[in-house]
Amino acid sequence: MEWFLELVKMGAALGSAMLLGHWFLAEVKRVKAEKQPVYKAYMTLPGLLVILAVLIPAAIWLYSR
């Protein structure tokens, strides 16, 4: 039964990452269609969440060393 809970946790993490990635990709496409600079996509909510998703684990890793 314990393996099932681990599987559910992994599925939830994968599903949320897929949703965030799709949301960010939609913002990138919108920004490109409006002929704005590419960095504008990172200034939206999904862009900031992507940045945080990369920086928080990196900061934890650096701090724990």
N, C-alpha and C. Protein backbone atom coordinates (compact mmCIF):
# COMPACT_ATOMS: atom_id res chain seq x y z
N MET A 1 0.82 -1.20 0.00
CA MET A 1 0.00 0.00 0.00
C MET A 1 0.87 1.27 0.00
N GLU A 2 2.04 1.15 0.62
CA GLU A 2 2.93 2.30 0.68
C GLU A 2 3.42 2.70 -0.72
N TRP A 3 3.64 1.72 -1.58
CA TRP A 3 4.09 2.01 -2.93
C TRP A 3 3.02 2.75 -3.72
N PHE A 4 1.75 2.50 -3.40
CA PHE A 4 0.66 3.17 -4.09
C PHE A 4 0.65 4.66 -3.76
N LEU A 5 0.88 4.99 -2.48
CA LEU A 5 0.92 6.40 -2.09
C LEU A 5 2.11 7.12 -2.75
N GLU A 6 3.24 6.44 -2.84
CA GLU A 6 4.38 7.02 -3.53
C GLU A 6 4.07 7.26 -5.00
N LEU A 7 3.36 6.33 -5.60
CA LEU A 7 2.97 6.46 -7.00
C LEU A 7 2.02 7.64 -7.20
N VAL A 8 1.10 7.83 -6.27
CA VAL A 8 0.16 8.95 -6.34
C VAL A 8 0.92 10.27 -6.19
N LYS A 9 1.88 10.32 -5.28
CA LYS A 9 2.68 11.54 -5.09
C LYS A 9 3.47 11.88 -6.34
N MET A 10 4.09 10.86 -6.95
CA MET A 10 4.84 11.10 -8.18
C MET A 10 3.92 11.56 -9.30
N GLY A 11 2.74 10.96 -9.38
CA GLY A 11 1.79 11.36 -10.41
C GLY A 11 1.31 12.79 -10.24
N ALA A 12 1.09 13.18 -8.98
CA ALA A 12 0.66 14.55 -8.71
C ALA A 12 1.75 15.55 -9.09
N ALA A 13 3.00 15.24 -8.76
CA ALA A 13 4.11 16.13 -9.10
C ALA A 13 4.27 16.22 -10.62
N LEU A 14 4.19 15.09 -11.30
CA LEU A 14 4.31 15.09 -12.75
C LEU A 14 3.16 15.84 -13.41
N GLY A 15 1.96 15.63 -12.92
CA GLY A 15 0.80 16.33 -13.48
C GLY A 15 0.88 17.83 -13.30
N SER A 16 1.30 18.27 -12.12
CA SER A 16 1.40 19.72 -11.89
C SER A 16 2.52 20.33 -12.73
N ALA A 17 3.62 19.59 -12.90
CA ALA A 17 4.70 20.09 -13.76
C ALA A 17 4.24 20.19 -15.21
N MET A 18 3.45 19.23 -15.65
CA MET A 18 2.94 19.28 -17.02
C MET A 18 1.99 20.45 -17.22
N LEU A 19 1.13 20.70 -16.25
CA LEU A 19 0.21 21.84 -16.35
C LEU A 19 0.96 23.16 -16.37
N LEU A 20 1.95 23.30 -15.49
CA LEU A 20 2.74 24.53 -15.45
C LEU A 20 3.50 24.73 -16.76
N GLY A 21 4.08 23.64 -17.28
CA GLY A 21 4.81 23.74 -18.54
C GLY A 21 3.91 24.13 -19.70
N HIS A 22 2.72 23.57 -19.74
CA HIS A 22 1.77 23.90 -20.81
C HIS A 22 1.33 25.35 -20.69
N TRP A 23 1.09 25.81 -19.46
CA TRP A 23 0.67 27.19 -19.23
C TRP A 23 1.79 28.15 -19.66
N PHE A 24 3.03 27.82 -19.32
CA PHE A 24 4.15 28.67 -19.70
C PHE A 24 4.34 28.68 -21.21
N LEU A 25 4.22 27.52 -21.84
CA LEU A 25 4.37 27.45 -23.30
C LEU A 25 3.29 28.29 -24.00
N ALA A 26 2.09 28.30 -23.45
CA ALA A 26 1.03 29.13 -24.02
C ALA A 26 1.40 30.61 -23.91
N GLU A 27 2.01 31.00 -22.80
CA GLU A 27 2.44 32.39 -22.64
C GLU A 27 3.56 32.73 -23.63
N VAL A 28 4.49 31.81 -23.84
CA VAL A 28 5.58 32.05 -24.80
C VAL A 28 5.00 32.23 -26.19
N LYS A 29 4.05 31.39 -26.58
CA LYS A 29 3.43 31.52 -27.90
C LYS A 29 2.69 32.84 -28.04
N ARG A 30 2.00 33.26 -26.96
CA ARG A 30 1.28 34.53 -27.00
C ARG A 30 2.24 35.70 -27.17
N VAL A 31 3.36 35.67 -26.43
CA VAL A 31 4.34 36.74 -26.50
C VAL A 31 4.97 36.80 -27.89
N LYS A 32 5.27 35.64 -28.47
CA LYS A 32 5.84 35.62 -29.82
C LYS A 32 4.85 36.13 -30.85
N ALA A 33 3.57 35.79 -30.68
CA ALA A 33 2.56 36.24 -31.62
C ALA A 33 2.39 37.75 -31.57
N GLU A 34 2.57 38.33 -30.38
CA GLU A 34 2.47 39.78 -30.23
C GLU A 34 3.77 40.49 -30.57
N LYS A 35 4.80 39.72 -30.99
CA LYS A 35 6.10 40.26 -31.38
C LYS A 35 6.74 41.08 -30.26
N GLN A 36 6.61 40.58 -29.05
CA GLN A 36 7.26 41.21 -27.90
C GLN A 36 8.56 40.48 -27.63
N PRO A 37 9.44 41.07 -26.83
CA PRO A 37 10.70 40.37 -26.48
C PRO A 37 10.40 39.06 -25.74
N VAL A 38 11.26 38.08 -25.93
CA VAL A 38 11.03 36.75 -25.38
C VAL A 38 11.02 36.77 -23.85
N TYR A 39 11.80 37.67 -23.24
CA TYR A 39 11.86 37.70 -21.79
C TYR A 39 10.53 38.10 -21.14
N LYS A 40 9.63 38.66 -21.91
CA LYS A 40 8.32 39.04 -21.37
C LYS A 40 7.54 37.83 -20.85
N ALA A 41 7.79 36.66 -21.44
CA ALA A 41 7.11 35.45 -20.99
C ALA A 41 7.52 35.09 -19.57
N TYR A 42 8.74 35.43 -19.18
CA TYR A 42 9.21 35.13 -17.83
C TYR A 42 8.68 36.10 -16.80
N MET A 43 8.08 37.19 -17.24
CA MET A 43 7.52 38.17 -16.31
C MET A 43 6.04 37.92 -16.04
N THR A 44 5.52 36.80 -16.51
CA THR A 44 4.14 36.42 -16.23
C THR A 44 4.13 35.46 -15.04
N LEU A 45 2.96 35.16 -14.52
CA LEU A 45 2.85 34.25 -13.38
C LEU A 45 3.44 32.87 -13.66
N PRO A 46 3.13 32.23 -14.79
CA PRO A 46 3.75 30.92 -15.01
C PRO A 46 5.27 31.02 -15.19
N GLY A 47 5.74 32.11 -15.76
CA GLY A 47 7.18 32.29 -15.92
C GLY A 47 7.88 32.43 -14.58
N LEU A 48 7.29 33.18 -13.68
CA LEU A 48 7.87 33.32 -12.34
C LEU A 48 7.82 32.01 -11.58
N LEU A 49 6.77 31.24 -11.76
CA LEU A 49 6.70 29.93 -11.10
C LEU A 49 7.76 28.98 -11.64
N VAL A 50 8.04 29.05 -12.93
CA VAL A 50 9.10 28.22 -13.52
C VAL A 50 10.46 28.64 -12.95
N ILE A 51 10.69 29.93 -12.85
CA ILE A 51 11.95 30.41 -12.28
C ILE A 51 12.10 29.93 -10.84
N LEU A 52 11.04 30.05 -10.05
CA LEU A 52 11.09 29.59 -8.67
C LEU A 52 11.29 28.08 -8.58
N ALA A 53 10.69 27.35 -9.49
CA ALA A 53 10.85 25.89 -9.49
C ALA A 53 12.28 25.48 -9.75
N VAL A 54 13.04 26.32 -10.42
CA VAL A 54 14.45 26.03 -10.67
C VAL A 54 15.33 26.57 -9.54
N LEU A 55 15.04 27.77 -9.06
CA LEU A 55 15.91 28.41 -8.09
C LEU A 55 15.79 27.85 -6.68
N ILE A 56 14.61 27.47 -6.25
CA ILE A 56 14.45 26.99 -4.87
C ILE A 56 15.22 25.70 -4.63
N PRO A 57 15.09 24.67 -5.47
CA PRO A 57 15.91 23.47 -5.22
C PRO A 57 17.41 23.75 -5.34
N ALA A 58 17.81 24.63 -6.24
CA ALA A 58 19.22 24.97 -6.38
C ALA A 58 19.73 25.67 -5.12
N ALA A 59 18.93 26.58 -4.56
CA ALA A 59 19.33 27.28 -3.34
C ALA A 59 19.40 26.32 -2.16
N ILE A 60 18.47 25.41 -2.08
CA ILE A 60 18.49 24.41 -0.99
C ILE A 60 19.72 23.54 -1.13
N TRP A 61 20.05 23.13 -2.35
CA TRP A 61 21.22 22.30 -2.57
C TRP A 61 22.50 23.05 -2.19
N LEU A 62 22.60 24.30 -2.60
CA LEU A 62 23.80 25.09 -2.27
C LEU A 62 23.90 25.34 -0.76
N TYR A 63 22.79 25.61 -0.12
CA TYR A 63 22.80 25.91 1.31
C TYR A 63 23.13 24.68 2.14
N SER A 64 22.73 23.51 1.68
CA SER A 64 22.95 22.28 2.45
C SER A 64 24.38 21.77 2.34
N ARG A 65 25.14 22.27 1.39
CA ARG A 65 26.53 21.81 1.21
C ARG A 65 27.42 22.37 2.21
